[in-house]
Amino acid sequence: MARLPLPEYHVSVIIRAPLPFVYDWCTDYTPDDLRYGGEKGERRILQQGYKRVVFENLYDVGKGWGWERHVVILKPPDSWHSEGRGNYFESSLDYKLTELSQGKTKLDMHWRSRPGPMSRGRMASKSAIERYFTLLWRRRAGFIEREFRNRVEH
């Protein structure tokens, strides 16, 4: 049986900080990263190098644990790619930064995702997923902007 085409998702966020700063912030994976998007869970960094990062996230989803592993390929100075697999999804994500005027940076996130074994084939609607990730990245953008301002002011 042929697989149906995977839905494509896209999120775009403007960040008031220069591209090199945004790239460094977004690709400097730490155990605290989940809190910047308002997520609750635990992140473990398994491998972190100049071109590749591997991490796992563990979430309490109310009826058990959600687990995911991401293998990230860094493509300095302005992009990275992540292959993620978990018990609720599989995904392939591309992140691209574009320098804008006045020291701003645009983050574009494009990805495809399919339900994982624990999702029982169900996923939220495309619009709900994109709204969720837009909110998550707007929260992260706020942290990036504050950290950039603090560095400039000191």
Protein backbone atom coordinates (compact mmCIF):
# COMPACT_ATOMS: atom_id res chain seq x y z
CA MET A 1 0.00 0.00 0.00
CA ALA A 2 1.41 3.41 -0.99
CA ARG A 3 1.90 6.00 1.71
CA LEU A 4 -0.04 9.23 1.44
CA PRO A 5 2.08 12.36 0.97
CA LEU A 6 3.09 13.93 4.26
CA PRO A 7 1.66 17.33 5.08
CA GLU A 8 4.08 20.24 4.84
CA TYR A 9 4.26 22.81 7.61
CA HIS A 10 5.78 26.28 7.70
CA VAL A 11 6.43 28.79 10.47
CA SER A 12 8.09 32.18 10.06
CA VAL A 13 9.14 34.49 12.90
CA ILE A 14 10.96 37.83 12.90
CA ILE A 15 13.62 38.16 15.61
CA ARG A 16 15.04 41.56 16.58
CA ALA A 17 18.68 40.47 16.69
CA PRO A 18 21.38 40.06 14.03
CA LEU A 19 21.67 36.78 12.14
CA PRO A 20 25.02 35.60 13.62
CA PHE A 21 23.67 36.04 17.14
CA VAL A 22 20.39 34.26 16.29
CA TYR A 23 22.22 31.37 14.62
CA ASP A 24 24.56 30.89 17.58
CA TRP A 25 21.66 31.05 20.05
CA CYS A 26 19.46 28.61 18.11
CA THR A 27 22.20 26.05 17.51
CA ASP A 28 23.83 26.14 20.96
CA TYR A 29 21.70 23.31 22.30
CA THR A 30 21.41 23.12 26.10
CA PRO A 31 19.33 21.16 28.61
CA ASP A 32 17.40 24.40 29.37
CA ASP A 33 16.13 24.91 25.78
CA LEU A 34 12.62 23.57 26.36
CA ARG A 35 11.77 26.28 28.87
CA TYR A 36 12.41 29.03 26.29
CA GLY A 37 9.37 27.88 24.32
CA GLY A 38 7.25 27.34 27.42
CA GLU A 39 7.55 23.57 27.12
CA LYS A 40 7.78 21.26 30.11
CA GLY A 41 10.09 18.33 29.89
CA GLU A 42 13.69 17.27 30.04
CA ARG A 43 16.35 17.60 27.34
CA ARG A 44 19.52 15.53 27.24
CA ILE A 45 22.34 16.45 24.91
CA LEU A 46 23.91 13.19 23.72
CA GLN A 47 26.42 14.60 21.21
CA GLN A 48 27.40 18.18 20.43
CA GLY A 49 29.92 19.11 17.79
CA TYR A 50 30.58 21.80 15.21
CA LYS A 51 28.49 20.10 12.51
CA ARG A 52 26.21 17.68 14.38
CA VAL A 53 24.07 17.64 17.53
CA VAL A 54 22.06 14.73 18.91
CA PHE A 55 19.56 15.29 21.71
CA GLU A 56 16.56 13.64 23.31
CA ASN A 57 13.48 15.22 24.88
CA LEU A 58 11.24 13.56 27.42
CA TYR A 59 7.75 14.98 28.15
CA ASP A 60 4.94 14.03 30.48
CA VAL A 61 1.97 13.88 28.09
CA GLY A 62 -0.59 13.15 30.81
CA LYS A 63 -1.13 9.50 29.92
CA GLY A 64 2.52 8.50 29.80
CA TRP A 65 5.79 9.79 28.53
CA GLY A 66 6.52 11.37 25.18
CA TRP A 67 10.04 10.72 23.94
CA GLU A 68 11.85 12.07 20.91
CA ARG A 69 15.38 11.99 19.51
CA HIS A 70 16.72 14.56 17.06
CA VAL A 71 19.83 14.38 14.92
CA VAL A 72 20.70 17.91 13.84
CA ILE A 73 23.09 18.78 11.02
CA LEU A 74 24.41 22.32 11.41
CA LYS A 75 24.96 24.34 8.23
CA PRO A 76 26.65 27.57 9.31
CA PRO A 77 26.19 30.43 9.01
CA ASP A 78 22.41 30.42 8.47
CA SER A 79 20.69 27.02 8.46
CA TRP A 80 20.36 23.61 10.06
CA HIS A 81 18.42 20.39 9.46
CA SER A 82 16.87 18.01 11.99
CA GLU A 83 15.60 14.47 11.63
CA GLY A 84 13.36 13.65 14.59
CA ARG A 85 11.75 10.46 15.70
CA GLY A 86 9.66 9.81 18.76
CA ASN A 87 6.87 7.72 20.10
CA TYR A 88 4.32 10.30 18.91
CA PHE A 89 5.83 11.53 15.61
CA GLU A 90 8.55 11.36 12.95
CA SER A 91 9.68 14.60 11.34
CA SER A 92 12.17 16.16 8.97
CA LEU A 93 12.77 19.86 9.67
CA ASP A 94 14.70 22.59 7.88
CA TYR A 95 15.55 25.89 9.55
CA LYS A 96 16.73 28.89 7.54
CA LEU A 97 17.73 32.36 8.76
CA THR A 98 17.57 35.43 6.55
CA GLU A 99 19.19 38.73 7.46
CA LEU A 100 16.75 41.65 7.37
CA SER A 101 17.30 45.39 7.71
CA GLN A 102 17.70 47.14 11.06
CA GLY A 103 19.51 44.20 12.65
CA LYS A 104 16.55 41.81 12.42
CA THR A 105 16.55 38.17 11.35
CA LYS A 106 13.77 36.07 9.83
CA LEU A 107 13.55 32.44 10.92
CA ASP A 108 11.76 30.10 8.52
CA MET A 109 11.00 26.58 9.63
CA HIS A 110 9.73 24.08 7.04
CA TRP A 111 8.99 20.49 7.93
CA ARG A 112 7.09 17.33 7.22
CA SER A 113 5.78 15.07 9.93
CA ARG A 114 3.93 11.81 10.32
CA PRO A 115 2.34 10.20 13.35
CA GLY A 116 4.51 7.90 15.43
CA PRO A 117 3.55 4.53 16.92
CA MET A 118 1.87 5.95 20.07
CA SER A 119 -0.25 8.52 18.20
CA ARG A 120 -2.50 5.83 16.74
CA GLY A 121 -2.37 7.61 13.39
CA ARG A 122 -3.90 10.83 14.74
CA MET A 123 -2.38 14.28 14.46
CA ALA A 124 -3.70 17.74 15.17
CA SER A 125 -4.78 19.84 12.20
CA LYS A 126 -2.16 21.59 10.07
CA SER A 127 -3.32 25.01 11.28
CA ALA A 128 -3.23 23.93 14.95
CA ILE A 129 0.30 22.56 14.59
CA GLU A 130 1.52 25.71 12.82
CA ARG A 131 -0.13 27.94 15.48
CA TYR A 132 1.54 25.95 18.25
CA PHE A 133 5.02 26.21 16.69
CA THR A 134 4.54 29.89 15.85
CA LEU A 135 3.75 30.59 19.51
CA LEU A 136 6.69 28.44 20.64
CA TRP A 137 9.12 30.32 18.37
CA ARG A 138 7.70 33.73 19.32
CA ARG A 139 8.42 32.86 22.95
CA ARG A 140 11.94 31.78 22.03
CA ALA A 141 12.38 34.98 19.99
CA GLY A 142 11.60 36.99 23.13
CA PHE A 143 14.44 35.24 24.99
CA ILE A 144 16.83 35.74 22.06
CA GLU A 145 15.97 39.45 21.87
CA ARG A 146 16.37 40.00 25.62
CA GLU A 147 19.70 38.17 25.69
CA PHE A 148 20.94 40.20 22.71
CA ARG A 149 19.89 43.51 24.34
CA ASN A 150 21.59 42.51 27.61
CA ARG A 151 24.85 41.76 25.79
CA VAL A 152 24.74 45.03 23.85
CA GLU A 153 23.96 47.08 26.97
CA HIS A 154 26.80 45.57 29.03
